[in-house]
Amino acid sequence: MSIFERPSYSNEAIAGLHDSFDAAVQTPFSVLDLDEQNEFLIESYNAMQRAVGVFALAVHGAMDQQVAKRHGEHSLSTHIAAGVHGSSKRIGAELAVARWLARFSELRTALADGTITVAHVNELRTLERKHPKASASMERAQGFFIDAAQTLQFPQWVDAVGYWFNALDPDGVLHDPTDPKYGAIVTKLPSGDVIVEMRLDPVTGEAWLVATEREEQKIFEAEADLDDADKLSPRQRTMTAIMRLVARGFQQKDGTFPEPMVQLVMSEKVAEDLLARAMGCIDPDTDGPMDFDPFSIPIDYDDLDRRCETLRGTPIHPMHALVPLLIAKMRRLVIDDYNQPTERVEDVPEFRFFTKKQRQVLLALARGKCSIPGCHNPYSWLQMDHVQPHNHHGQTVLHNGQPLCQPHNKAKGDRGVL
């Protein structure tokens, strides 16, 4: 049988369902008046949700009757895929909701009759997955979930479920603010991307939401006159709001910053190549092609003339440096083959502490790492150390400076060696 042919159904209910879909498909939407169009739209969505519920009922019955096994298939997803010429992997994902509902007969029926939606089911699945102790009580509370869904909009329904869950924990064991599950994890990927994962307790989370949402609203209002294509996406707007708050916290009382928040180390060759690509590879002075390789970019970890990284040594793709390159303050640093600066940097031999410029040069030379081989302590722990201690007549000059992490610097003391 061709997959485009309508199969004959002995099941009158399913045959009637397909007939109804056929009638809906043939309905000319444009000829409906506004109220009819709105009703068609809303009811189409309801029908889609109910179809998932009907599928859940069918899956429950198929699992109970071992339909896949009796047809010689090792799983229900492959059995269905064979019948609809679909992807067993995709169908397996769609089966997840139906399988979960196998334990909840009232929810299963409510989804099929349109009383609740898949969104309600997924919210409950997530709650159970994160708090397995809620499972038994969840089965007993099916009626509450359904009744609340009939009277509350979805956001309020989520809050009502939150109250229900909190009531299951009279001693506060599941909501201890000191629980290690609360906090943040920051992971730096080899590409230079940074992943931030956070789980906040309700009070801390509320503070986070108030601060970020207020900042997002300012950004949204500032974009009011822009074309949609030029506006930030919700995800970008949230990120921008967070970075504004971070920058504000980093700012000193006088409005200045103790040091730049972002410092990049880029060779002249990489900068020229980046600008050439950004300008369409045409030299503005000659209207001719600029010198660049279309098949590769000139970056290499071991080549001083092909460096593109942050001051702490994190490699970045040049494309991420394009905007900073156009607006940033530049500082020239020429390094020889021995990783030493060939141009004079202002030295202050008699001073006790290295200047900001000296510190930045030393960090660039050391690529943001502690000078002790094998040390992997964080960048934020680095301190500028005198190779020959200052109180042993060591001068505050570049060739007598090195970054050391705080533990190694403290261990060294004024002995001059570790």
Protein backbone atom coordinates (compact mmCIF):
# COMPACT_ATOMS: atom_id res chain seq x y z
CA MET A 1 0.00 0.00 0.00
CA SER A 2 1.30 3.46 -0.80
CA ILE A 3 1.89 5.70 2.21
CA PHE A 4 -0.32 8.28 0.49
CA GLU A 5 -3.34 5.98 0.37
CA ARG A 6 -5.95 6.11 3.09
CA PRO A 7 -6.04 2.79 4.98
CA SER A 8 -9.40 1.22 5.74
CA TYR A 9 -10.19 1.21 9.44
CA SER A 10 -12.29 -1.34 11.20
CA ASN A 11 -12.19 0.99 14.23
CA GLU A 12 -15.06 3.43 13.62
CA ALA A 13 -13.71 5.94 16.19
CA ILE A 14 -10.35 6.26 14.43
CA ALA A 15 -12.03 6.35 11.01
CA GLY A 16 -14.26 9.16 12.22
CA LEU A 17 -11.23 11.00 13.59
CA HIS A 18 -9.56 10.90 10.20
CA ASP A 19 -12.77 12.02 8.50
CA SER A 20 -12.89 15.02 10.83
CA PHE A 21 -9.28 15.89 10.01
CA ASP A 22 -10.03 15.58 6.29
CA ALA A 23 -12.92 18.00 6.67
CA ALA A 24 -10.76 20.45 8.61
CA VAL A 25 -8.00 20.31 5.98
CA GLN A 26 -10.52 21.13 3.25
CA THR A 27 -11.93 24.11 5.14
CA PRO A 28 -10.90 27.35 3.34
CA PHE A 29 -9.59 29.44 6.24
CA SER A 30 -9.65 32.70 4.27
CA VAL A 31 -13.41 32.62 3.72
CA LEU A 32 -14.16 32.42 7.44
CA ASP A 33 -15.05 35.61 9.27
CA LEU A 34 -12.78 36.87 12.06
CA ASP A 35 -14.60 35.08 14.88
CA GLU A 36 -14.66 31.83 12.91
CA GLN A 37 -10.95 32.11 12.12
CA ASN A 38 -10.19 32.61 15.79
CA GLU A 39 -12.34 29.62 16.75
CA PHE A 40 -10.70 27.48 14.07
CA LEU A 41 -7.25 28.44 15.37
CA ILE A 42 -8.03 27.73 19.03
CA GLU A 43 -9.88 24.51 18.38
CA SER A 44 -7.15 23.26 16.04
CA TYR A 45 -4.73 23.59 18.94
CA ASN A 46 -7.14 21.82 21.27
CA ALA A 47 -7.50 19.02 18.73
CA MET A 48 -3.73 18.66 18.52
CA GLN A 49 -3.47 18.37 22.31
CA ARG A 50 -6.30 15.85 22.46
CA ALA A 51 -4.65 13.79 19.73
CA VAL A 52 -1.61 13.43 21.99
CA GLY A 53 -3.95 12.24 24.73
CA VAL A 54 -5.60 9.71 22.43
CA PHE A 55 -2.14 8.50 21.43
CA ALA A 56 -1.27 8.12 25.13
CA LEU A 57 -4.37 5.96 25.62
CA ALA A 58 -3.35 3.85 22.63
CA VAL A 59 0.21 3.48 23.91
CA HIS A 60 -1.02 2.42 27.33
CA GLY A 61 -3.21 -0.23 25.71
CA ALA A 62 -0.40 -1.36 23.39
CA MET A 63 1.99 -1.73 26.31
CA ASP A 64 -0.58 -3.69 28.28
CA GLN A 65 -1.29 -6.01 25.35
CA GLN A 66 2.39 -6.24 24.26
CA VAL A 67 1.44 -5.27 20.72
CA ALA A 68 5.02 -4.64 19.56
CA LYS A 69 6.30 -7.99 20.83
CA ARG A 70 3.39 -9.88 19.29
CA HIS A 71 4.28 -8.26 15.94
CA GLY A 72 7.90 -9.34 16.24
CA GLU A 73 9.31 -5.86 17.05
CA HIS A 74 11.73 -5.30 19.90
CA SER A 75 10.25 -1.91 20.85
CA LEU A 76 7.07 0.06 20.42
CA SER A 77 8.91 2.94 18.73
CA THR A 78 10.29 0.72 15.95
CA HIS A 79 6.90 -0.93 15.55
CA ILE A 80 5.16 2.43 15.09
CA ALA A 81 7.95 3.72 12.83
CA ALA A 82 7.51 0.75 10.52
CA GLY A 83 3.81 1.44 10.25
CA VAL A 84 4.06 5.17 9.51
CA HIS A 85 7.40 5.23 7.65
CA GLY A 86 8.78 7.46 10.41
CA SER A 87 11.88 7.80 12.57
CA SER A 88 11.98 5.41 15.51
CA LYS A 89 14.25 7.85 17.36
CA ARG A 90 11.80 10.70 16.95
CA ILE A 91 8.84 8.50 17.80
CA GLY A 92 10.71 7.28 20.88
CA ALA A 93 10.91 10.88 22.10
CA GLU A 94 7.19 11.35 21.48
CA LEU A 95 6.48 8.14 23.37
CA ALA A 96 8.10 9.60 26.49
CA VAL A 97 4.98 11.58 27.42
CA ALA A 98 2.70 8.62 26.72
CA ARG A 99 4.87 6.23 28.75
CA TRP A 100 4.95 8.62 31.68
CA LEU A 101 1.16 8.89 31.59
CA ALA A 102 0.86 5.11 31.89
CA ARG A 103 0.98 5.58 35.70
CA PHE A 104 -1.57 8.38 35.76
CA SER A 105 -4.94 7.21 34.43
CA GLU A 106 -6.81 10.40 35.37
CA LEU A 107 -4.26 12.67 33.72
CA ARG A 108 -4.21 10.42 30.67
CA THR A 109 -7.96 10.69 30.27
CA ALA A 110 -7.94 14.44 30.98
CA LEU A 111 -5.40 15.01 28.22
CA ALA A 112 -7.47 12.97 25.79
CA ASP A 113 -10.67 14.85 26.56
CA GLY A 114 -8.97 18.25 26.35
CA THR A 115 -9.17 19.19 30.03
CA ILE A 116 -5.38 19.62 30.32
CA THR A 117 -2.63 20.14 27.76
CA VAL A 118 0.75 18.59 27.09
CA ALA A 119 2.32 21.62 28.81
CA HIS A 120 0.63 20.61 32.08
CA VAL A 121 1.89 17.08 31.71
CA ASN A 122 5.45 18.15 30.93
CA GLU A 123 5.51 20.48 33.95
CA LEU A 124 4.54 17.56 36.19
CA ARG A 125 7.10 15.29 34.54
CA THR A 126 9.82 17.85 35.20
CA LEU A 127 8.73 18.24 38.83
CA GLU A 128 8.83 14.49 39.39
CA ARG A 129 12.20 14.16 37.66
CA LYS A 130 13.75 16.85 39.87
CA HIS A 131 11.98 15.69 43.04
CA PRO A 132 11.43 11.91 42.90
CA LYS A 133 9.92 11.98 46.40
CA ALA A 134 6.85 13.64 44.92
CA SER A 135 5.95 10.60 42.78
CA ALA A 136 3.62 8.77 45.15
CA SER A 137 1.82 11.95 46.21
CA MET A 138 1.50 13.02 42.58
CA GLU A 139 -0.60 9.96 41.75
CA ARG A 140 -2.98 10.81 44.60
CA ALA A 141 -3.17 14.47 43.54
CA GLN A 142 -4.27 13.92 39.93
CA GLY A 143 -7.73 15.31 40.62
CA PHE A 144 -6.26 18.48 42.10
CA PHE A 145 -4.03 19.03 39.05
CA ILE A 146 -6.98 18.60 36.68
CA ASP A 147 -9.37 20.80 38.65
CA ALA A 148 -6.76 23.57 38.95
CA ALA A 149 -6.08 23.42 35.21
CA GLN A 150 -9.76 24.12 34.50
CA THR A 151 -9.88 27.27 36.62
CA LEU A 152 -6.36 28.76 36.38
CA GLN A 153 -4.25 30.12 33.56
CA PHE A 154 -1.07 28.12 33.08
CA PRO A 155 1.34 30.44 35.03
CA GLN A 156 -1.05 30.46 38.00
CA TRP A 157 -1.48 26.69 37.69
CA VAL A 158 2.31 26.28 37.97
CA ASP A 159 2.26 28.38 41.14
CA ALA A 160 -0.59 26.29 42.58
CA VAL A 161 1.42 23.12 41.91
CA GLY A 162 4.37 24.81 43.65
CA TYR A 163 2.22 25.34 46.75
CA TRP A 164 1.13 21.71 46.59
CA PHE A 165 4.72 20.52 46.42
CA ASN A 166 5.94 22.78 49.23
CA ALA A 167 3.17 21.40 51.46
CA LEU A 168 4.67 17.91 51.04
CA ASP A 169 7.76 19.07 52.93
CA PRO A 170 6.63 20.30 56.38
CA ASP A 171 10.14 20.04 57.84
CA GLY A 172 11.77 21.91 54.94
CA VAL A 173 14.15 19.03 54.20
CA LEU A 174 13.75 19.40 50.42
CA HIS A 175 14.09 23.18 50.59
CA ASP A 176 17.18 23.68 52.76
CA PRO A 177 18.86 26.89 51.47
CA THR A 178 22.27 25.44 52.43
CA ASP A 179 21.77 22.41 50.19
CA PRO A 180 24.79 22.00 47.86
CA LYS A 181 22.44 21.80 44.86
CA TYR A 182 22.06 25.58 45.11
CA GLY A 183 24.83 27.63 43.53
CA ALA A 184 26.55 28.22 40.23
CA ILE A 185 28.98 26.26 38.08
CA VAL A 186 31.11 28.05 35.50
CA THR A 187 32.75 25.92 32.81
CA LYS A 188 35.18 27.23 30.22
CA LEU A 189 35.20 25.26 26.96
CA PRO A 190 38.32 24.80 24.79
CA SER A 191 36.77 27.18 22.22
CA GLY A 192 36.71 29.94 24.81
CA ASP A 193 32.92 29.80 25.27
CA VAL A 194 31.81 29.88 28.91
CA ILE A 195 28.84 27.88 30.20
CA VAL A 196 27.15 29.15 33.36
CA GLU A 197 24.78 26.79 35.15
CA MET A 198 22.88 28.04 38.18
CA ARG A 199 20.26 26.83 40.58
CA LEU A 200 19.02 29.48 42.99
CA ASP A 201 16.83 29.12 46.05
CA PRO A 202 13.48 30.96 45.76
CA VAL A 203 14.61 34.08 47.64
CA THR A 204 17.93 34.45 45.83
CA GLY A 205 16.16 33.59 42.59
CA GLU A 206 13.60 36.31 43.13
CA ALA A 207 16.38 38.86 43.63
CA TRP A 208 17.99 37.63 40.41
CA LEU A 209 14.72 37.90 38.47
CA VAL A 210 13.88 41.38 39.77
CA ALA A 211 17.32 42.74 38.86
CA THR A 212 17.64 41.12 35.43
CA GLU A 213 14.03 41.70 34.34
CA ARG A 214 14.26 45.38 35.21
CA GLU A 215 17.44 45.71 33.18
CA GLU A 216 15.87 43.76 30.30
CA GLN A 217 12.94 46.18 30.29
CA LYS A 218 15.32 49.14 29.92
CA ILE A 219 16.91 47.45 26.91
CA PHE A 220 13.52 46.62 25.43
CA GLU A 221 12.35 50.23 25.75
CA ALA A 222 15.58 51.53 24.21
CA GLU A 223 14.95 49.30 21.17
CA ALA A 224 11.39 50.55 20.63
CA ASP A 225 12.19 52.50 17.45
CA LEU A 226 14.41 49.83 15.89
CA ASP A 227 13.35 47.43 13.15
CA ASP A 228 12.60 43.92 14.38
CA ALA A 229 15.67 42.61 12.58
CA ASP A 230 17.90 44.93 14.62
CA LYS A 231 16.40 44.09 18.01
CA LEU A 232 18.01 41.64 20.39
CA SER A 233 16.42 38.24 20.81
CA PRO A 234 15.01 37.49 24.29
CA ARG A 235 18.05 35.33 24.98
CA GLN A 236 20.48 38.05 23.91
CA ARG A 237 18.53 40.64 25.90
CA THR A 238 18.85 38.56 29.06
CA MET A 239 22.58 38.11 28.53
CA THR A 240 23.06 41.84 27.89
CA ALA A 241 21.11 42.67 31.04
CA ILE A 242 23.26 40.33 33.13
CA MET A 243 26.49 41.79 31.72
CA ARG A 244 25.29 45.31 32.47
CA LEU A 245 24.67 44.33 36.08
CA VAL A 246 28.06 42.65 36.27
CA ALA A 247 29.77 45.74 34.86
CA ARG A 248 27.90 47.96 37.29
CA GLY A 249 29.07 45.85 40.22
CA PHE A 250 32.64 45.94 38.92
CA GLN A 251 32.59 49.73 38.73
CA GLN A 252 34.30 51.79 41.42
CA LYS A 253 32.64 54.66 43.31
CA ASP A 254 34.20 57.26 41.03
CA GLY A 255 32.78 55.57 37.93
CA THR A 256 36.08 54.05 36.83
CA PHE A 257 37.06 50.39 36.74
CA PRO A 258 39.99 48.86 38.65
CA GLU A 259 41.07 47.28 35.37
CA PRO A 260 39.44 46.60 31.98
CA MET A 261 36.86 43.83 32.18
CA VAL A 262 37.97 42.44 28.83
CA GLN A 263 41.55 42.46 27.61
CA LEU A 264 42.50 40.72 24.39
CA VAL A 265 45.93 39.82 23.06
CA MET A 266 45.94 39.78 19.27
CA SER A 267 48.81 39.83 16.81
CA GLU A 268 48.93 42.43 14.06
CA LYS A 269 48.66 39.70 11.43
CA VAL A 270 45.44 38.31 12.94
CA ALA A 271 43.96 41.81 13.25
CA GLU A 272 44.70 42.63 9.62
CA ASP A 273 43.20 39.34 8.47
CA LEU A 274 40.07 39.89 10.56
CA LEU A 275 39.52 43.39 9.20
CA ALA A 276 40.09 42.18 5.64
CA ARG A 277 37.32 39.60 5.98
CA ALA A 278 34.99 42.08 7.68
CA MET A 279 35.48 44.56 4.81
CA GLY A 280 34.75 42.01 2.14
CA CYS A 281 38.46 41.51 1.49
CA ILE A 282 38.72 44.72 -0.53
CA ASP A 283 41.39 47.32 0.17
CA PRO A 284 39.51 50.64 0.55
CA ASP A 285 42.47 52.58 -0.89
CA THR A 286 42.90 50.59 -4.08
CA ASP A 287 39.54 48.80 -4.48
CA GLY A 288 41.66 45.72 -4.98
CA PRO A 289 41.72 42.46 -3.03
CA MET A 290 43.45 42.51 0.34
CA ASP A 291 46.06 39.92 1.21
CA PHE A 292 44.31 37.07 3.00
CA ASP A 293 43.88 33.30 2.71
CA PRO A 294 40.21 32.35 2.13
CA PHE A 295 40.81 28.80 3.32
CA SER A 296 42.39 29.42 6.72
CA ILE A 297 42.89 32.06 9.38
CA PRO A 298 46.36 32.92 10.70
CA ILE A 299 46.06 31.65 14.27
CA ASP A 300 48.45 29.27 16.00
CA TYR A 301 49.12 28.65 19.68
CA ASP A 302 52.89 28.31 19.29
CA ASP A 303 53.39 31.27 16.95
CA LEU A 304 53.73 34.70 18.59
CA ASP A 305 52.66 36.36 15.36
CA ARG A 306 49.43 34.33 15.22
CA ARG A 307 48.10 34.87 18.71
CA CYS A 308 44.43 35.61 19.45
CA GLU A 309 43.39 35.11 23.05
CA THR A 310 42.23 36.82 26.22
CA LEU A 311 44.73 38.18 28.70
CA ARG A 312 44.22 35.05 30.79
CA GLY A 313 45.27 32.94 27.78
CA THR A 314 41.88 31.64 26.65
CA PRO A 315 41.92 31.12 22.85
CA ILE A 316 39.13 32.95 21.02
CA HIS A 317 38.05 32.92 17.40
CA PRO A 318 38.99 36.26 15.78
CA MET A 319 35.36 36.88 14.85
CA HIS A 320 34.54 37.35 18.55
CA ALA A 321 37.19 40.09 18.68
CA LEU A 322 35.80 42.14 15.78
CA VAL A 323 33.70 44.59 17.80
CA PRO A 324 36.34 45.08 20.54
CA LEU A 325 38.93 45.65 17.81
CA LEU A 326 36.86 48.51 16.38
CA ILE A 327 36.11 50.30 19.67
CA ALA A 328 38.85 49.29 22.09
CA LYS A 329 41.91 51.18 23.23
CA MET A 330 45.05 49.72 21.64
CA ARG A 331 48.41 49.17 23.27
CA ARG A 332 51.38 48.09 21.16
CA LEU A 333 53.56 45.30 22.48
CA VAL A 334 56.43 43.92 20.41
CA ILE A 335 57.78 40.57 21.57
CA ASP A 336 61.00 38.92 20.41
CA ASP A 337 61.65 35.24 19.78
CA TYR A 338 62.54 34.83 23.46
CA ASN A 339 59.13 36.06 24.59
CA GLN A 340 60.53 39.34 25.83
CA PRO A 341 59.28 42.85 24.97
CA THR A 342 61.55 44.75 22.62
CA GLU A 343 59.99 48.13 23.32
CA ARG A 344 60.48 49.92 26.59
CA VAL A 345 57.64 49.71 29.10
CA GLU A 346 57.65 52.33 31.82
CA ASP A 347 59.68 50.85 34.67
CA VAL A 348 59.60 52.08 38.24
CA PRO A 349 62.58 50.29 39.84
CA GLU A 350 62.17 51.93 43.22
CA PHE A 351 58.42 51.23 43.55
CA ARG A 352 57.21 48.34 45.70
CA PHE A 353 54.34 47.33 43.37
CA PHE A 354 54.18 46.78 39.63
CA THR A 355 52.11 49.29 37.65
CA LYS A 356 48.95 48.30 35.77
CA LYS A 357 50.80 48.43 32.45
CA GLN A 358 53.61 46.26 33.78
CA ARG A 359 51.07 43.81 35.17
CA GLN A 360 49.23 43.59 31.85
CA VAL A 361 52.46 43.02 29.91
CA LEU A 362 53.62 40.31 32.34
CA LEU A 363 50.22 38.59 32.14
CA ALA A 364 50.34 38.71 28.32
CA LEU A 365 53.83 37.22 28.30
CA ALA A 366 52.82 34.46 30.72
CA ARG A 367 49.46 33.98 28.92
CA GLY A 368 47.54 34.47 32.14
CA LYS A 369 49.08 31.49 33.93
CA CYS A 370 51.07 31.07 37.12
CA SER A 371 54.79 30.90 36.31
CA ILE A 372 55.20 27.66 38.28
CA PRO A 373 55.09 24.75 35.78
CA GLY A 374 52.02 22.55 36.21
CA CYS A 375 50.08 25.07 38.31
CA HIS A 376 46.42 25.32 37.31
CA ASN A 377 45.16 27.72 39.95
CA PRO A 378 42.59 30.29 38.73
CA TYR A 379 43.54 33.46 36.93
CA SER A 380 41.92 35.54 39.68
CA TRP A 381 44.52 34.22 42.15
CA LEU A 382 47.47 35.64 40.22
CA GLN A 383 49.71 38.20 41.85
CA MET A 384 52.76 40.02 40.47
CA ASP A 385 55.92 38.71 42.07
CA HIS A 386 59.51 40.00 42.08
CA VAL A 387 61.79 37.18 40.89
CA GLN A 388 64.53 38.72 43.05
CA PRO A 389 62.57 39.86 46.12
CA HIS A 390 62.10 43.60 46.49
CA ASN A 391 63.53 43.61 50.00
CA HIS A 392 66.62 41.90 48.57
CA HIS A 393 67.23 44.81 46.19
CA GLY A 394 65.03 43.40 43.45
CA GLN A 395 63.79 46.14 41.15
CA THR A 396 60.23 46.65 39.93
CA VAL A 397 61.06 46.11 36.26
CA LEU A 398 59.68 43.70 33.68
CA HIS A 399 62.61 41.33 33.57
CA ASN A 400 62.33 40.91 37.36
CA GLY A 401 58.58 40.27 37.34
CA GLN A 402 56.44 37.18 37.00
CA PRO A 403 52.85 36.22 37.79
CA LEU A 404 52.44 33.72 40.62
CA CYS A 405 49.24 32.44 42.14
CA GLN A 406 48.64 33.51 45.71
CA PRO A 407 49.58 30.12 47.27
CA HIS A 408 52.86 29.91 45.33
CA ASN A 409 53.67 33.56 45.97
CA LYS A 410 53.06 33.07 49.68
CA ALA A 411 55.14 29.87 49.71
CA LYS A 412 58.02 31.64 48.00
CA GLY A 413 58.01 34.55 50.43
CA ASP A 414 61.18 36.65 50.23
CA ARG A 415 63.51 33.70 49.56
CA GLY A 416 63.66 34.29 45.83
CA VAL A 417 62.98 30.60 44.97
CA LEU A 418 60.32 27.99 45.68
